[in-house]
PDB file of N, CA and C in Angstrom:
ATOM      1  N   MET A   1      45.213 -30.501   6.330  1.00  0.00           N
ATOM      2  CA  MET A   1      44.329 -29.617   5.135  1.00  0.00           C
ATOM      3  C   MET A   1      44.006 -30.754   4.017  1.00  0.00           C
ATOM      4  N   ASN A   2      42.912 -30.914   3.688  1.00  0.00           N
ATOM      5  CA  ASN A   2      42.012 -31.337   2.668  1.00  0.00           C
ATOM      6  C   ASN A   2      42.023 -31.041   1.768  1.00  0.00           C
ATOM      7  N   ILE A   3      42.901 -31.127   0.246  1.00  0.00           N
ATOM      8  CA  ILE A   3      42.458 -30.443  -1.077  1.00  0.00           C
ATOM      9  C   ILE A   3      42.038 -31.273  -1.815  1.00  0.00           C
ATOM     10  N   ARG A   4      40.729 -31.540  -2.224  1.00  0.00           N
ATOM     11  CA  ARG A   4      40.202 -32.176  -3.551  1.00  0.00           C
ATOM     12  C   ARG A   4      40.651 -31.216  -4.334  1.00  0.00           C
ATOM     13  N   ARG A   5      41.092 -31.706  -5.550  1.00  0.00           N
ATOM     14  CA  ARG A   5      41.133 -31.468  -6.867  1.00  0.00           C
ATOM     15  C   ARG A   5      39.925 -32.086  -8.121  1.00  0.00           C
ATOM     16  N   VAL A   6      39.767 -30.761  -8.574  1.00  0.00           N
ATOM     17  CA  VAL A   6      38.289 -31.401  -9.582  1.00  0.00           C
ATOM     18  C   VAL A   6      38.845 -31.255 -10.907  1.00  0.00           C
ATOM     19  N   ASN A   7      38.694 -32.494 -11.426  1.00  0.00           N
ATOM     20  CA  ASN A   7      39.220 -32.332 -12.943  1.00  0.00           C
ATOM     21  C   ASN A   7      38.108 -32.557 -14.047  1.00  0.00           C
ATOM     22  N   ARG A   8      36.576 -32.658 -13.680  1.00  0.00           N
ATOM     23  CA  ARG A   8      35.815 -32.407 -14.461  1.00  0.00           C
ATOM     24  C   ARG A   8      34.595 -32.090 -13.568  1.00  0.00           C
ATOM     25  N   ILE A   9      33.744 -31.294 -14.870  1.00  0.00           N
ATOM     26  CA  ILE A   9      32.915 -30.453 -13.760  1.00  0.00           C
ATOM     27  C   ILE A   9      32.127 -31.326 -14.012  1.00  0.00           C
ATOM     28  N   ASP A  10      31.561 -32.205 -14.004  1.00  0.00           N
ATOM     29  CA  ASP A  10      30.164 -33.084 -14.015  1.00  0.00           C
ATOM     30  C   ASP A  10      30.469 -33.609 -12.134  1.00  0.00           C
ATOM     31  N   GLU A  11      31.821 -33.895 -11.583  1.00  0.00           N
ATOM     32  CA  GLU A  11      32.184 -33.867  -9.885  1.00  0.00           C
ATOM     33  C   GLU A  11      32.228 -33.286  -8.596  1.00  0.00           C
ATOM     34  N   LEU A  12      31.504 -32.006  -9.702  1.00  0.00           N
ATOM     35  CA  LEU A  12      31.174 -30.498  -8.815  1.00  0.00           C
ATOM     36  C   LEU A  12      29.924 -31.025  -7.828  1.00  0.00           C
ATOM     37  N   ALA A  13      29.162 -30.676  -7.375  1.00  0.00           N
ATOM     38  CA  ALA A  13      28.359 -30.637  -6.084  1.00  0.00           C
ATOM     39  C   ALA A  13      27.300 -30.209  -7.261  1.00  0.00           C
ATOM     40  N   LYS A  14      26.051 -30.987  -7.190  1.00  0.00           N
ATOM     41  CA  LYS A  14      24.794 -30.717  -8.041  1.00  0.00           C
ATOM     42  C   LYS A  14      24.019 -30.018  -7.531  1.00  0.00           C
ATOM     43  N   SER A  15      24.170 -29.670  -6.260  1.00  0.00           N
ATOM     44  CA  SER A  15      23.325 -28.804  -5.480  1.00  0.00           C
ATOM     45  C   SER A  15      24.453 -27.884  -4.218  1.00  0.00           C
ATOM     46  N   LEU A  16      23.942 -27.040  -3.659  1.00  0.00           N
ATOM     47  CA  LEU A  16      24.974 -26.706  -2.871  1.00  0.00           C
ATOM     48  C   LEU A  16      24.183 -25.688  -2.171  1.00  0.00           C
ATOM     49  N   PRO A  17      23.410 -25.805  -0.982  1.00  0.00           N
ATOM     50  CA  PRO A  17      22.505 -25.066   0.089  1.00  0.00           C
ATOM     51  C   PRO A  17      23.585 -23.970   0.746  1.00  0.00           C
ATOM     52  N   PRO A  18      23.050 -22.890   1.011  1.00  0.00           N
ATOM     53  CA  PRO A  18      23.452 -21.435   1.404  1.00  0.00           C
ATOM     54  C   PRO A  18      23.693 -22.171   2.592  1.00  0.00           C
ATOM     55  N   SER A  19      24.727 -21.675   3.935  1.00  0.00           N
ATOM     56  CA  SER A  19      25.033 -21.634   5.299  1.00  0.00           C
ATOM     57  C   SER A  19      23.631 -21.018   5.477  1.00  0.00           C
ATOM     58  N   ARG A  20      23.029 -20.016   5.153  1.00  0.00           N
ATOM     59  CA  ARG A  20      21.703 -19.616   5.909  1.00  0.00           C
ATOM     60  C   ARG A  20      20.883 -18.569   4.871  1.00  0.00           C
ATOM     61  N   ASP A  21      19.990 -18.782   4.872  1.00  0.00           N
ATOM     62  CA  ASP A  21      18.632 -18.244   4.339  1.00  0.00           C
ATOM     63  C   ASP A  21      18.690 -16.354   3.945  1.00  0.00           C
ATOM     64  N   LEU A  22      19.400 -15.985   2.980  1.00  0.00           N
ATOM     65  CA  LEU A  22      19.228 -14.591   3.399  1.00  0.00           C
ATOM     66  C   LEU A  22      17.837 -13.575   2.696  1.00  0.00           C
ATOM     67  N   TRP A  23      17.095 -14.530   2.268  1.00  0.00           N
ATOM     68  CA  TRP A  23      15.789 -14.409   1.399  1.00  0.00           C
ATOM     69  C   TRP A  23      15.045 -13.118   2.423  1.00  0.00           C
ATOM     70  N   PRO A  24      14.827 -13.172   3.828  1.00  0.00           N
ATOM     71  CA  PRO A  24      14.013 -12.917   4.484  1.00  0.00           C
ATOM     72  C   PRO A  24      14.626 -11.457   5.304  1.00  0.00           C
ATOM     73  N   ALA A  25      16.295 -11.202   4.902  1.00  0.00           N
ATOM     74  CA  ALA A  25      16.849  -9.674   5.337  1.00  0.00           C
ATOM     75  C   ALA A  25      16.278  -9.093   4.236  1.00  0.00           C
ATOM     76  N   ILE A  26      16.407  -9.969   2.816  1.00  0.00           N
ATOM     77  CA  ILE A  26      16.120  -9.008   1.440  1.00  0.00           C
ATOM     78  C   ILE A  26      14.953  -8.365   1.310  1.00  0.00           C
ATOM     79  N   SER A  27      13.854  -9.565   1.742  1.00  0.00           N
ATOM     80  CA  SER A  27      11.979  -8.786   1.619  1.00  0.00           C
ATOM     81  C   SER A  27      12.228  -7.970   3.010  1.00  0.00           C
ATOM     82  N   ALA A  28      12.513  -8.121   3.899  1.00  0.00           N
ATOM     83  CA  ALA A  28      12.395  -6.751   4.738  1.00  0.00           C
ATOM     84  C   ALA A  28      12.904  -5.498   4.112  1.00  0.00           C
ATOM     85  N   ALA A  29      14.042  -5.421   3.925  1.00  0.00           N
ATOM     86  CA  ALA A  29      14.436  -4.568   3.305  1.00  0.00           C
ATOM     87  C   ALA A  29      13.651  -3.648   2.053  1.00  0.00           C
ATOM     88  N   ILE A  30      13.179  -4.700   1.051  1.00  0.00           N
ATOM     89  CA  ILE A  30      12.438  -4.090   0.226  1.00  0.00           C
ATOM     90  C   ILE A  30      11.364  -3.285   0.684  1.00  0.00           C
ATOM     91  N   GLU A  31      10.554  -3.965   1.476  1.00  0.00           N
ATOM     92  CA  GLU A  31       9.505  -3.342   1.881  1.00  0.00           C
ATOM     93  C   GLU A  31       9.547  -2.719   2.713  1.00  0.00           C
ATOM     94  N   ALA A  32      10.546  -2.184   3.722  1.00  0.00           N
ATOM     95  CA  ALA A  32      10.987  -0.759   4.346  1.00  0.00           C
ATOM     96  C   ALA A  32      11.299   0.169   3.266  1.00  0.00           C
ATOM     97  N   ASP A  33      12.075   0.165   2.412  1.00  0.00           N
ATOM     98  CA  ASP A  33      12.500   0.895   1.203  1.00  0.00           C
ATOM     99  C   ASP A  33      10.720   1.476   0.652  1.00  0.00           C
ATOM    100  N   ARG A  34       9.752   0.375   0.444  1.00  0.00           N
ATOM    101  CA  ARG A  34       8.463   0.695  -0.408  1.00  0.00           C
ATOM    102  C   ARG A  34       8.099   1.905   0.491  1.00  0.00           C
ATOM    103  N   VAL A  35       7.941   1.121   2.017  1.00  0.00           N
ATOM    104  CA  VAL A  35       7.197   1.850   2.817  1.00  0.00           C
ATOM    105  C   VAL A  35       7.871   3.769   2.796  1.00  0.00           C
ATOM    106  N   VAL A  36       8.965   4.099   3.134  1.00  0.00           N
ATOM    107  CA  VAL A  36       9.548   4.912   3.112  1.00  0.00           C
ATOM    108  C   VAL A  36       9.293   5.775   1.914  1.00  0.00           C
ATOM    109  N   ALA A  37       9.408   4.657   0.652  1.00  0.00           N
ATOM    110  CA  ALA A  37       9.359   6.062  -0.392  1.00  0.00           C
ATOM    111  C   ALA A  37       7.644   5.961  -0.945  1.00  0.00           C
ATOM    112  N   MET A  38       6.492   5.487  -0.362  1.00  0.00           N
ATOM    113  CA  MET A  38       5.374   5.555  -0.551  1.00  0.00           C
ATOM    114  C   MET A  38       4.991   6.698   0.830  1.00  0.00           C
ATOM    115  N   ASP A  39       5.365   7.226   1.962  1.00  0.00           N
ATOM    116  CA  ASP A  39       5.417   7.775   2.529  1.00  0.00           C
ATOM    117  C   ASP A  39       5.743   9.629   2.574  1.00  0.00           C
ATOM    118  N   SER A  40       6.922   9.432   1.876  1.00  0.00           N
ATOM    119  CA  SER A  40       7.757  10.415   1.562  1.00  0.00           C
ATOM    120  C   SER A  40       7.421  11.100   0.122  1.00  0.00           C
ATOM    121  N   ALA A  41       6.948  10.274  -0.682  1.00  0.00           N
ATOM    122  CA  ALA A  41       6.477  10.473  -2.467  1.00  0.00           C
ATOM    123  C   ALA A  41       5.120  11.552  -2.434  1.00  0.00           C
ATOM    124  N   PRO A  42       5.544  12.688  -2.959  1.00  0.00           N
ATOM    125  CA  PRO A  42       4.246  13.456  -2.969  1.00  0.00           C
ATOM    126  C   PRO A  42       3.608  13.149  -3.668  1.00  0.00           C
ATOM    127  N   ARG A  43       1.694  13.356  -3.532  1.00  0.00           N
ATOM    128  CA  ARG A  43       0.795  13.164  -4.176  1.00  0.00           C
ATOM    129  C   ARG A  43       0.310  13.769  -5.242  1.00  0.00           C
ATOM    130  N   ARG A  44       0.481  13.076  -6.730  1.00  0.00           N
ATOM    131  CA  ARG A  44      -0.373  14.317  -7.733  1.00  0.00           C
ATOM    132  C   ARG A  44      -1.369  13.904  -7.537  1.00  0.00           C
ATOM    133  N   SER A  45      -1.538  15.308  -8.098  1.00  0.00           N
ATOM    134  CA  SER A  45      -3.220  15.450  -8.811  1.00  0.00           C
ATOM    135  C   SER A  45      -3.868  15.077  -9.466  1.00  0.00           C
ATOM    136  N   ARG A  46      -5.163  14.641  -9.352  1.00  0.00           N
ATOM    137  CA  ARG A  46      -5.827  14.033 -11.009  1.00  0.00           C
ATOM    138  C   ARG A  46      -5.898  15.415 -11.175  1.00  0.00           C
ATOM    139  N   TRP A  47      -5.766  16.762 -11.429  1.00  0.00           N
ATOM    140  CA  TRP A  47      -5.681  17.732 -12.022  1.00  0.00           C
ATOM    141  C   TRP A  47      -4.432  18.592 -12.901  1.00  0.00           C
ATOM    142  N   LEU A  48      -3.496  17.788 -12.561  1.00  0.00           N
ATOM    143  CA  LEU A  48      -1.912  18.148 -13.103  1.00  0.00           C
ATOM    144  C   LEU A  48      -1.904  17.916 -14.158  1.00  0.00           C
ATOM    145  N   PRO A  49      -2.366  16.966 -15.018  1.00  0.00           N
ATOM    146  CA  PRO A  49      -2.319  16.405 -16.608  1.00  0.00           C
ATOM    147  C   PRO A  49      -3.150  17.758 -17.399  1.00  0.00           C
ATOM    148  N   ALA A  50      -4.406  17.529 -16.616  1.00  0.00           N
ATOM    149  CA  ALA A  50      -5.668  19.130 -17.867  1.00  0.00           C
ATOM    150  C   ALA A  50      -4.500  20.884 -17.018  1.00  0.00           C
ATOM    151  N   VAL A  51      -3.860  20.982 -16.314  1.00  0.00           N
ATOM    152  CA  VAL A  51      -3.277  22.393 -16.130  1.00  0.00           C
ATOM    153  C   VAL A  51      -1.990  22.158 -16.969  1.00  0.00           C
ATOM    154  N   GLY A  52      -1.520  20.961 -17.243  1.00  0.00           N
ATOM    155  CA  GLY A  52      -0.318  21.337 -17.818  1.00  0.00           C
ATOM    156  C   GLY A  52      -0.746  21.247 -19.765  1.00  0.00           C
ATOM    157  N   MET A  53      -2.317  20.494 -20.165  1.00  0.00           N
ATOM    158  CA  MET A  53      -2.670  21.014 -21.435  1.00  0.00           C
ATOM    159  C   MET A  53      -3.415  22.389 -21.596  1.00  0.00           C
ATOM    160  N   ALA A  54      -3.574  22.798 -20.666  1.00  0.00           N
ATOM    161  CA  ALA A  54      -4.043  24.045 -20.352  1.00  0.00           C
ATOM    162  C   ALA A  54      -2.819  25.230 -20.889  1.00  0.00           C
ATOM    163  N   ALA A  55      -1.753  24.726 -19.843  1.00  0.00           N
ATOM    164  CA  ALA A  55      -0.958  25.815 -19.913  1.00  0.00           C
ATOM    165  C   ALA A  55      -0.204  25.511 -21.338  1.00  0.00           C
ATOM    166  N   ALA A  56      -0.256  24.691 -22.033  1.00  0.00           N
ATOM    167  CA  ALA A  56       0.574  24.296 -23.749  1.00  0.00           C
ATOM    168  C   ALA A  56      -0.448  25.055 -24.852  1.00  0.00           C
ATOM    169  N   VAL A  57      -1.657  25.154 -24.130  1.00  0.00           N
ATOM    170  CA  VAL A  57      -2.623  25.804 -25.157  1.00  0.00           C
ATOM    171  C   VAL A  57      -2.663  27.089 -24.847  1.00  0.00           C
ATOM    172  N   ALA A  58      -2.285  27.788 -23.500  1.00  0.00           N
ATOM    173  CA  ALA A  58      -1.616  29.627 -23.732  1.00  0.00           C
ATOM    174  C   ALA A  58      -0.584  29.445 -24.652  1.00  0.00           C
ATOM    175  N   LEU A  59       0.238  28.754 -24.273  1.00  0.00           N
ATOM    176  CA  LEU A  59       1.570  29.562 -24.673  1.00  0.00           C
ATOM    177  C   LEU A  59       1.185  29.409 -26.263  1.00  0.00           C
ATOM    178  N   VAL A  60       0.626  28.303 -26.837  1.00  0.00           N
ATOM    179  CA  VAL A  60       0.672  28.304 -28.574  1.00  0.00           C
ATOM    180  C   VAL A  60      -0.227  29.733 -28.489  1.00  0.00           C
ATOM    181  N   THR A  61      -1.406  29.917 -27.973  1.00  0.00           N
ATOM    182  CA  THR A  61      -1.982  31.010 -28.049  1.00  0.00           C
ATOM    183  C   THR A  61      -1.086  32.060 -28.119  1.00  0.00           C
ATOM    184  N   VAL A  62      -0.534  33.001 -27.211  1.00  0.00           N
ATOM    185  CA  VAL A  62       0.474  33.737 -26.621  1.00  0.00           C
ATOM    186  C   VAL A  62       1.281  34.091 -27.943  1.00  0.00           C
ATOM    187  N   GLY A  63       1.899  32.849 -28.296  1.00  0.00           N
ATOM    188  CA  GLY A  63       2.458  32.535 -29.747  1.00  0.00           C
ATOM    189  C   GLY A  63       2.311  33.056 -30.960  1.00  0.00           C
ATOM    190  N   ILE A  64       0.803  32.324 -31.362  1.00  0.00           N
ATOM    191  CA  ILE A  64       0.208  33.300 -32.605  1.00  0.00           C
ATOM    192  C   ILE A  64      -0.323  34.467 -32.413  1.00  0.00           C
ATOM    193  N   PHE A  65      -0.629  34.920 -31.404  1.00  0.00           N
ATOM    194  CA  PHE A  65      -0.707  36.958 -31.367  1.00  0.00           C
ATOM    195  C   PHE A  65       0.847  37.561 -31.583  1.00  0.00           C
ATOM    196  N   ILE A  66       1.829  36.681 -31.157  1.00  0.00           N
ATOM    197  CA  ILE A  66       2.616  37.545 -30.960  1.00  0.00           C
ATOM    198  C   ILE A  66       3.182  37.547 -32.795  1.00  0.00           C
ATOM    199  N   GLY A  67       3.286  36.200 -33.133  1.00  0.00           N
ATOM    200  CA  GLY A  67       3.255  35.938 -34.512  1.00  0.00           C
ATOM    201  C   GLY A  67       3.016  36.892 -35.024  1.00  0.00           C
ATOM    202  N   ARG A  68       1.550  37.056 -35.500  1.00  0.00           N
ATOM    203  CA  ARG A  68       0.674  37.869 -36.315  1.00  0.00           C
ATOM    204  C   ARG A  68       0.885  39.681 -35.886  1.00  0.00           C
ATOM    205  N   GLY A  69       1.889  39.572 -34.772  1.00  0.00           N
ATOM    206  CA  GLY A  69       1.818  40.853 -35.012  1.00  0.00           C
ATOM    207  C   GLY A  69       3.198  41.815 -35.228  1.00  0.00           C
ATOM    208  N   ILE A  70       4.368  40.621 -35.302  1.00  0.00           N
ATOM    209  CA  ILE A  70       5.431  40.955 -35.551  1.00  0.00           C
ATOM    210  C   ILE A  70       5.314  40.539 -36.956  1.00  0.00           C
ATOM    211  N   THR A  71       4.441  40.270 -37.799  1.00  0.00           N
ATOM    212  CA  THR A  71       4.888  39.934 -39.608  1.00  0.00           C
ATOM    213  C   THR A  71       4.067  41.038 -40.332  1.00  0.00           C
ATOM    214  N   PRO A  72       5.420  41.397 -40.813  1.00  0.00           N
ATOM    215  CA  PRO A  72       5.363  42.546 -42.047  1.00  0.00           C
ATOM    216  C   PRO A  72       3.977  42.336 -43.364  1.00  0.00           C
ATOM    217  N   PRO A  73       3.772  44.101 -43.154  1.00  0.00           N
ATOM    218  CA  PRO A  73       2.570  44.062 -43.809  1.00  0.00           C
ATOM    219  C   PRO A  73       3.029  43.384 -45.445  1.00  0.00           C
ATOM    220  N   PRO A  74       1.750  42.911 -46.054  1.00  0.00           N
ATOM    221  CA  PRO A  74       2.315  42.183 -47.550  1.00  0.00           C
ATOM    222  C   PRO A  74       2.768  43.365 -48.150  1.00  0.00           C
ATOM    223  N   ALA A  75       3.441  43.148 -49.409  1.00  0.00           N
ATOM    224  CA  ALA A  75       4.324  43.734 -50.486  1.00  0.00           C
ATOM    225  C   ALA A  75       3.229  44.019 -51.718  1.00  0.00           C
ATOM    226  N   THR A  76       3.192  45.283 -52.305  1.00  0.00           N
ATOM    227  CA  THR A  76       3.100  45.154 -53.773  1.00  0.00           C
ATOM    228  C   THR A  76       3.217  44.532 -54.607  1.00  0.00           C
ATOM    229  N   VAL A  77       2.556  43.959 -55.324  1.00  0.00           N
ATOM    230  CA  VAL A  77       3.491  43.609 -56.812  1.00  0.00           C
ATOM    231  C   VAL A  77       4.379  44.519 -57.503  1.00  0.00           C
ATOM    232  N   ALA A  78       5.145  44.632 -57.740  1.00  0.00           N
ATOM    233  CA  ALA A  78       6.277  45.069 -58.970  1.00  0.00           C
ATOM    234  C   ALA A  78       5.353  45.466 -60.525  1.00  0.00           C
ATOM    235  N   GLY A  79       4.965  46.548 -61.064  1.00  0.00           N
ATOM    236  CA  GLY A  79       4.155  47.241 -62.061  1.00  0.00           C
ATOM    237  C   GLY A  79       2.930  47.993 -61.485  1.00  0.00           C
ATOM    238  N   THR A  80       2.834  47.366 -60.663  1.00  0.00           N
ATOM    239  CA  THR A  80       0.831  47.953 -60.167  1.00  0.00           C
ATOM    240  C   THR A  80       0.682  48.836 -59.302  1.00  0.00           C
ATOM    241  N   PRO A  81      -0.074  50.171 -59.453  1.00  0.00           N
ATOM    242  CA  PRO A  81       0.342  50.984 -59.078  1.00  0.00           C
ATOM    243  C   PRO A  81      -0.475  50.655 -57.856  1.00  0.00           C
ATOM    244  N   PRO A  82       0.121  51.702 -56.712  1.00  0.00           N
ATOM    245  CA  PRO A  82      -0.850  51.343 -54.884  1.00  0.00           C
ATOM    246  C   PRO A  82      -2.426  51.719 -55.803  1.00  0.00           C
ATOM    247  N   ARG A  83      -3.024  51.007 -54.234  1.00  0.00           N
ATOM    248  CA  ARG A  83      -4.646  51.772 -54.779  1.00  0.00           C
ATOM    249  C   ARG A  83      -4.801  53.290 -54.208  1.00  0.00           C
ATOM    250  N   ARG A  84      -5.458  53.561 -54.352  1.00  0.00           N
ATOM    251  CA  ARG A  84      -5.685  55.232 -53.846  1.00  0.00           C
ATOM    252  C   ARG A  84      -6.964  55.445 -53.734  1.00  0.00           C
ATOM    253  N   VAL A  85      -7.206  56.156 -52.220  1.00  0.00           N
ATOM    254  CA  VAL A  85      -8.850  56.143 -51.673  1.00  0.00           C
ATOM    255  C   VAL A  85      -9.374  57.485 -51.878  1.00  0.00           C
ATOM    256  N   ARG A  86     -10.798  57.262 -52.677  1.00  0.00           N
ATOM    257  CA  ARG A  86     -10.691  58.691 -53.161  1.00  0.00           C
ATOM    258  C   ARG A  86     -11.403  59.230 -52.102  1.00  0.00           C
ATOM    259  N   PRO A  87     -11.427  60.847 -51.618  1.00  0.00           N
ATOM    260  CA  PRO A  87     -12.124  61.503 -50.667  1.00  0.00           C
ATOM    261  C   PRO A  87     -13.576  61.012 -50.845  1.00  0.00           C
ATOM    262  N   THR A  88     -14.431  61.642 -50.076  1.00  0.00           N
ATOM    263  CA  THR A  88     -15.800  61.284 -50.553  1.00  0.00           C
ATOM    264  C   THR A  88     -16.038  62.791 -50.163  1.00  0.00           C
TER     265      THR A  88
END
């Protein structure tokens, strides 16, 4: 067993190539995942943003109508008599 001691960092090898190239396997796995993701992903409709905006406008409109229906009637100012309607 031959153990070589390194005393300084510049004694290390400048480049050490790997025993085998791993990139082809990594690239194939990435491409396989991409193909599976493309096939299994649901297609989004072009109408989806428009439907979302329409739903938002509808919710705001319903909220306004509900808010107008539950507001209390305006209060009379103290010291002024309420208006009386004269029968004709």
